[in-house]
């Protein structure tokens, strides 16, 4: 017996949502490992380090926003597809 195309798409969307959720969880974990801005350095070294850390924080925030949007849209698509499978 073969799986109907809608059911296959629904399963694929559910799998994608699980993967996106896992990536979001890992991103949250990694964000917790990042250093704070420097209190040990001074002058140009501190300014460069702090600028790099703050840039990294901003980039991770953008990535998180994009991943959350992808996750939400995937869940929505899966739910809509689920109405057509059942």
C-alpha atoms as a PDB file:
ATOM      1  CA  UNK A   1       0.000   0.000   0.000  1.00  0.00           C
ATOM      2  CA  UNK A   2       1.389   3.386  -0.937  1.00  0.00           C
ATOM      3  CA  UNK A   3       1.123   6.555   1.098  1.00  0.00           C
ATOM      4  CA  UNK A   4      -1.036   9.263  -0.488  1.00  0.00           C
ATOM      5  CA  UNK A   5       0.929  12.352  -1.621  1.00  0.00           C
ATOM      6  CA  UNK A   6      -0.840  14.599   0.921  1.00  0.00           C
ATOM      7  CA  UNK A   7       0.101  12.284   3.761  1.00  0.00           C
ATOM      8  CA  UNK A   8       3.706  12.190   2.571  1.00  0.00           C
ATOM      9  CA  UNK A   9       3.816  15.983   2.412  1.00  0.00           C
ATOM     10  CA  UNK A  10       2.259  16.198   5.874  1.00  0.00           C
ATOM     11  CA  UNK A  11       4.877  13.809   7.276  1.00  0.00           C
ATOM     12  CA  UNK A  12       7.677  15.755   5.584  1.00  0.00           C
ATOM     13  CA  UNK A  13       6.407  19.027   7.034  1.00  0.00           C
ATOM     14  CA  UNK A  14       6.207  17.495  10.506  1.00  0.00           C
ATOM     15  CA  UNK A  15       9.770  16.235  10.186  1.00  0.00           C
ATOM     16  CA  UNK A  16      10.924  19.659   8.993  1.00  0.00           C
ATOM     17  CA  UNK A  17       9.215  21.320  11.966  1.00  0.00           C
ATOM     18  CA  UNK A  18      10.977  18.924  14.353  1.00  0.00           C
ATOM     19  CA  UNK A  19      14.338  19.703  12.750  1.00  0.00           C
ATOM     20  CA  UNK A  20      13.753  23.458  12.932  1.00  0.00           C
ATOM     21  CA  UNK A  21      12.757  23.180  16.612  1.00  0.00           C
ATOM     22  CA  UNK A  22      15.929  21.199  17.305  1.00  0.00           C
ATOM     23  CA  UNK A  23      18.066  23.832  15.569  1.00  0.00           C
ATOM     24  CA  UNK A  24      16.377  26.582  17.603  1.00  0.00           C
ATOM     25  CA  UNK A  25      17.124  24.691  20.813  1.00  0.00           C
ATOM     26  CA  UNK A  26      20.780  24.268  19.827  1.00  0.00           C
ATOM     27  CA  UNK A  27      21.031  27.935  18.905  1.00  0.00           C
ATOM     28  CA  UNK A  28      19.718  28.872  22.343  1.00  0.00           C
ATOM     29  CA  UNK A  29      22.295  26.583  23.940  1.00  0.00           C
ATOM     30  CA  UNK A  30      25.144  28.036  21.872  1.00  0.00           C
ATOM     31  CA  UNK A  31      24.050  31.587  22.665  1.00  0.00           C
ATOM     32  CA  UNK A  32      24.488  30.776  26.341  1.00  0.00           C
ATOM     33  CA  UNK A  33      28.101  29.759  25.714  1.00  0.00           C
ATOM     34  CA  UNK A  34      29.107  33.050  24.133  1.00  0.00           C
ATOM     35  CA  UNK A  35      31.251  35.439  26.121  1.00  0.00           C
ATOM     36  CA  UNK A  36      30.029  38.715  27.495  1.00  0.00           C
ATOM     37  CA  UNK A  37      31.710  41.904  26.481  1.00  0.00           C
ATOM     38  CA  UNK A  38      35.205  42.227  27.852  1.00  0.00           C
ATOM     39  CA  UNK A  39      36.006  43.579  31.279  1.00  0.00           C
ATOM     40  CA  UNK A  40      39.591  42.308  31.223  1.00  0.00           C
ATOM     41  CA  UNK A  41      40.863  44.309  28.291  1.00  0.00           C
ATOM     42  CA  UNK A  42      41.100  48.014  27.644  1.00  0.00           C
ATOM     43  CA  UNK A  43      41.635  50.364  24.754  1.00  0.00           C
ATOM     44  CA  UNK A  44      41.457  49.232  21.112  1.00  0.00           C
ATOM     45  CA  UNK A  45      41.586  45.510  21.969  1.00  0.00           C
ATOM     46  CA  UNK A  46      38.516  45.832  24.174  1.00  0.00           C
ATOM     47  CA  UNK A  47      36.673  47.894  21.577  1.00  0.00           C
ATOM     48  CA  UNK A  48      37.379  45.332  18.846  1.00  0.00           C
ATOM     49  CA  UNK A  49      36.450  42.378  21.056  1.00  0.00           C
ATOM     50  CA  UNK A  50      33.251  44.010  22.263  1.00  0.00           C
ATOM     51  CA  UNK A  51      32.270  45.037  18.732  1.00  0.00           C
ATOM     52  CA  UNK A  52      32.782  41.452  17.549  1.00  0.00           C
ATOM     53  CA  UNK A  53      30.752  39.993  20.395  1.00  0.00           C
ATOM     54  CA  UNK A  54      27.922  42.473  19.872  1.00  0.00           C
ATOM     55  CA  UNK A  55      27.919  41.758  16.119  1.00  0.00           C
ATOM     56  CA  UNK A  56      27.700  38.059  16.868  1.00  0.00           C
ATOM     57  CA  UNK A  57      24.773  38.625  19.234  1.00  0.00           C
ATOM     58  CA  UNK A  58      22.959  40.621  16.539  1.00  0.00           C
ATOM     59  CA  UNK A  59      23.613  37.996  13.864  1.00  0.00           C
ATOM     60  CA  UNK A  60      22.357  35.221  16.105  1.00  0.00           C
ATOM     61  CA  UNK A  61      19.232  37.236  16.875  1.00  0.00           C
ATOM     62  CA  UNK A  62      18.549  37.598  13.147  1.00  0.00           C
ATOM     63  CA  UNK A  63      19.094  33.872  12.593  1.00  0.00           C
ATOM     64  CA  UNK A  64      16.775  33.061  15.498  1.00  0.00           C
ATOM     65  CA  UNK A  65      14.063  35.324  14.068  1.00  0.00           C
ATOM     66  CA  UNK A  66      14.341  33.663  10.659  1.00  0.00           C
ATOM     67  CA  UNK A  67      14.288  30.166  12.146  1.00  0.00           C
ATOM     68  CA  UNK A  68      11.268  30.986  14.296  1.00  0.00           C
ATOM     69  CA  UNK A  69       9.428  32.292  11.229  1.00  0.00           C
ATOM     70  CA  UNK A  70      10.332  29.159   9.258  1.00  0.00           C
ATOM     71  CA  UNK A  71       9.182  26.971  12.142  1.00  0.00           C
ATOM     72  CA  UNK A  72       5.872  28.817  12.500  1.00  0.00           C
ATOM     73  CA  UNK A  73       5.176  28.659   8.776  1.00  0.00           C
ATOM     74  CA  UNK A  74       6.083  24.990   8.638  1.00  0.00           C
ATOM     75  CA  UNK A  75       3.725  24.173  11.518  1.00  0.00           C
ATOM     76  CA  UNK A  76       0.969  26.194   9.851  1.00  0.00           C
ATOM     77  CA  UNK A  77       1.507  24.387   6.547  1.00  0.00           C
ATOM     78  CA  UNK A  78       1.545  21.028   8.317  1.00  0.00           C
ATOM     79  CA  UNK A  79      -1.691  21.824  10.126  1.00  0.00           C
ATOM     80  CA  UNK A  80      -3.355  22.939   6.905  1.00  0.00           C
ATOM     81  CA  UNK A  81      -2.081  19.846   5.113  1.00  0.00           C
ATOM     82  CA  UNK A  82      -3.384  17.708   7.963  1.00  0.00           C
ATOM     83  CA  UNK A  83      -6.915  18.879   7.232  1.00  0.00           C
ATOM     84  CA  UNK A  84      -6.555  17.484   3.706  1.00  0.00           C
ATOM     85  CA  UNK A  85      -5.057  14.169   4.794  1.00  0.00           C
ATOM     86  CA  UNK A  86      -7.730  13.155   7.264  1.00  0.00           C
END
